[in-house]
N, C-alpha and C. Protein backbone atom coordinates (compact mmCIF):
# COMPACT_ATOMS: atom_id res chain seq x y z
N UNK A 1 -9.38 11.96 -4.57
CA UNK A 1 -8.67 12.21 -5.81
C UNK A 1 -7.95 13.55 -5.73
N UNK A 2 -6.84 13.63 -6.40
CA UNK A 2 -6.10 14.89 -6.45
C UNK A 2 -6.83 15.91 -7.32
N UNK A 3 -6.65 17.21 -7.05
CA UNK A 3 -7.30 18.25 -7.86
C UNK A 3 -6.57 18.42 -9.18
N UNK A 4 -6.83 17.56 -10.12
CA UNK A 4 -6.07 17.53 -11.36
C UNK A 4 -6.53 18.55 -12.40
N UNK A 5 -7.52 19.36 -12.07
CA UNK A 5 -7.96 20.37 -13.03
C UNK A 5 -7.48 21.76 -12.64
N UNK A 6 -6.51 21.84 -11.76
CA UNK A 6 -6.07 23.12 -11.18
C UNK A 6 -5.72 24.18 -12.21
N UNK A 7 -4.96 23.86 -13.22
CA UNK A 7 -4.51 24.86 -14.19
C UNK A 7 -5.33 24.83 -15.48
N UNK A 8 -6.52 24.29 -15.44
CA UNK A 8 -7.28 24.10 -16.68
C UNK A 8 -8.43 25.08 -16.85
N UNK A 9 -8.48 26.14 -16.06
CA UNK A 9 -9.47 27.18 -16.25
C UNK A 9 -8.94 28.20 -17.25
N UNK A 10 -9.75 29.21 -17.53
CA UNK A 10 -9.30 30.28 -18.43
C UNK A 10 -8.53 31.32 -17.64
N UNK A 11 -7.97 32.29 -18.32
CA UNK A 11 -7.25 33.36 -17.63
C UNK A 11 -8.21 34.24 -16.82
N UNK A 12 -9.52 34.13 -17.10
CA UNK A 12 -10.54 34.84 -16.32
C UNK A 12 -11.10 33.96 -15.20
N UNK A 13 -10.47 32.81 -14.95
CA UNK A 13 -10.83 31.89 -13.86
C UNK A 13 -12.19 31.24 -14.07
N UNK A 14 -12.49 30.87 -15.30
CA UNK A 14 -13.75 30.21 -15.65
C UNK A 14 -13.45 28.75 -15.99
N UNK A 15 -14.23 27.79 -15.46
CA UNK A 15 -14.01 26.39 -15.80
C UNK A 15 -14.17 26.16 -17.30
N UNK A 16 -13.52 25.13 -17.81
CA UNK A 16 -13.55 24.83 -19.24
C UNK A 16 -14.20 23.47 -19.50
N UNK A 17 -14.45 23.19 -20.75
CA UNK A 17 -15.01 21.89 -21.15
C UNK A 17 -14.07 20.76 -20.77
N UNK A 18 -12.79 20.99 -20.76
CA UNK A 18 -11.83 19.95 -20.37
C UNK A 18 -12.10 19.47 -18.94
N UNK A 19 -12.50 20.38 -18.06
CA UNK A 19 -12.82 20.01 -16.68
C UNK A 19 -14.10 19.18 -16.63
N UNK A 20 -15.09 19.54 -17.44
CA UNK A 20 -16.33 18.76 -17.52
C UNK A 20 -16.01 17.34 -17.97
N UNK A 21 -15.20 17.22 -18.99
CA UNK A 21 -14.82 15.90 -19.50
C UNK A 21 -14.09 15.08 -18.44
N UNK A 22 -13.20 15.72 -17.69
CA UNK A 22 -12.42 15.03 -16.65
C UNK A 22 -13.35 14.39 -15.62
N UNK A 23 -14.31 15.16 -15.11
CA UNK A 23 -15.20 14.62 -14.08
C UNK A 23 -16.28 13.72 -14.65
N UNK A 24 -16.66 13.92 -15.90
CA UNK A 24 -17.61 13.01 -16.53
C UNK A 24 -17.01 11.61 -16.64
N UNK A 25 -15.74 11.52 -16.97
CA UNK A 25 -15.06 10.24 -17.09
C UNK A 25 -14.99 9.50 -15.76
N UNK A 26 -15.03 10.24 -14.65
CA UNK A 26 -14.88 9.64 -13.33
C UNK A 26 -16.19 9.56 -12.55
N UNK A 27 -17.30 9.88 -13.19
CA UNK A 27 -18.59 9.95 -12.50
C UNK A 27 -19.06 8.60 -11.98
N UNK A 28 -18.58 7.52 -12.53
CA UNK A 28 -18.99 6.20 -12.07
C UNK A 28 -18.51 5.85 -10.67
N UNK A 29 -17.57 6.61 -10.14
CA UNK A 29 -17.03 6.33 -8.81
C UNK A 29 -17.93 6.87 -7.70
N UNK A 30 -18.97 7.62 -8.03
CA UNK A 30 -19.85 8.22 -7.02
C UNK A 30 -19.49 9.68 -6.84
N UNK A 31 -19.83 10.23 -5.68
CA UNK A 31 -19.55 11.63 -5.39
C UNK A 31 -18.05 11.81 -5.15
N UNK A 32 -17.44 12.70 -5.91
CA UNK A 32 -16.01 12.97 -5.77
C UNK A 32 -15.84 14.45 -5.44
N UNK A 33 -15.25 14.73 -4.30
CA UNK A 33 -14.92 16.11 -3.94
C UNK A 33 -13.41 16.21 -3.91
N UNK A 34 -12.87 16.98 -4.83
CA UNK A 34 -11.41 17.00 -4.91
C UNK A 34 -10.82 18.37 -5.20
N UNK A 35 -11.64 19.35 -5.45
CA UNK A 35 -11.13 20.67 -5.83
C UNK A 35 -11.25 21.65 -4.68
N UNK A 36 -10.23 22.46 -4.53
CA UNK A 36 -10.31 23.62 -3.68
C UNK A 36 -10.57 24.81 -4.59
N UNK A 37 -11.61 25.58 -4.36
CA UNK A 37 -11.98 26.66 -5.26
C UNK A 37 -11.82 28.01 -4.55
N UNK A 38 -11.05 28.94 -5.13
CA UNK A 38 -10.97 30.27 -4.54
C UNK A 38 -12.34 30.95 -4.59
N UNK A 39 -12.69 31.64 -3.52
CA UNK A 39 -13.98 32.31 -3.47
C UNK A 39 -13.86 33.83 -3.59
N UNK A 40 -12.64 34.34 -3.66
CA UNK A 40 -12.38 35.76 -3.92
C UNK A 40 -11.18 35.86 -4.85
N UNK A 41 -11.10 36.86 -5.70
CA UNK A 41 -9.96 36.98 -6.62
C UNK A 41 -8.62 37.04 -5.89
N UNK A 42 -8.60 37.59 -4.69
CA UNK A 42 -7.34 37.69 -3.94
C UNK A 42 -6.87 36.33 -3.42
N UNK A 43 -7.73 35.32 -3.46
CA UNK A 43 -7.37 34.01 -2.96
C UNK A 43 -6.80 33.07 -4.00
N UNK A 44 -6.63 33.54 -5.23
CA UNK A 44 -6.10 32.70 -6.30
C UNK A 44 -4.59 32.57 -6.14
N UNK A 45 -4.10 31.34 -6.05
CA UNK A 45 -2.68 31.12 -5.86
C UNK A 45 -1.93 30.73 -7.12
N UNK A 46 -2.65 30.37 -8.17
CA UNK A 46 -2.04 29.91 -9.41
C UNK A 46 -2.77 30.56 -10.59
N UNK A 47 -2.11 30.67 -11.73
CA UNK A 47 -2.82 31.18 -12.92
C UNK A 47 -3.81 30.13 -13.44
N UNK A 48 -4.87 30.58 -14.05
CA UNK A 48 -5.87 29.72 -14.71
C UNK A 48 -6.57 28.76 -13.75
N UNK A 49 -6.70 29.16 -12.50
CA UNK A 49 -7.46 28.37 -11.52
C UNK A 49 -8.91 28.83 -11.60
N UNK A 50 -9.87 27.92 -11.79
CA UNK A 50 -11.26 28.34 -11.81
C UNK A 50 -11.67 28.85 -10.43
N UNK A 51 -12.44 29.91 -10.41
CA UNK A 51 -12.89 30.49 -9.14
C UNK A 51 -14.39 30.64 -9.10
N UNK A 52 -14.89 30.97 -7.93
CA UNK A 52 -16.32 31.14 -7.75
C UNK A 52 -16.55 32.42 -6.94
N UNK A 53 -16.73 33.51 -7.65
CA UNK A 53 -17.04 34.79 -6.99
C UNK A 53 -17.90 35.65 -7.87
């Protein structure tokens, strides 16, 4: 699946409820890996991308 939640984080790069809803709706398909997540603030390429650091 395409990473369709790319611009749906906050300006502080925190995931939102909208992202939870997106993947909850698709949970019946099994394990879905579709997001690339920046692991350092310098690795963010777009605004509002959720990150993990």
